[in-house]
Amino acid sequence: PTNAALYCTIIPRGQESELMGLYLFSGLVFSWVPPFLFTFLNEIGASMRIGLGSLNLFFAGGFVFLKMIGDYQDAVDFALSRGVGGDGDDTWSSKESCDGSNGAKRLSLPELT
């Protein structure tokens, strides 16, 4: 729940449904890949060390993506500056925000903890 709330604070306005759908879809799709790879390697008779070592690829990929993430406050400022049309218009569409209310206050990082 915390990572979804944090993700909601950096979504540009007017794209809440689209980007939350991508977030949920990617979480469901990629959650089964490491266990599948481990099971596949185990079933074909590979050593257990190779199977467990293959999981390190996913950790390494996660660290690479983690290093590519920019500053949180810059992401929040960018998301707040984007309107429905992406031109800086500060209006909300008829879509609801991540927490289900229109015009919800965007939280900064200290307020989340």
Foldseek 3Di string as FASTA:
>chain_A
DLVLLLVLLLAAAQCQVVVVVVVVVVCVVPVCVLVVQLVVCVVVPHDNVVSVVVVVVVVVVVVVVVVVDDDSVVSNVQRCQQYNVGPSDRDHDPDAGPVRHPPDDRDDPVVSD
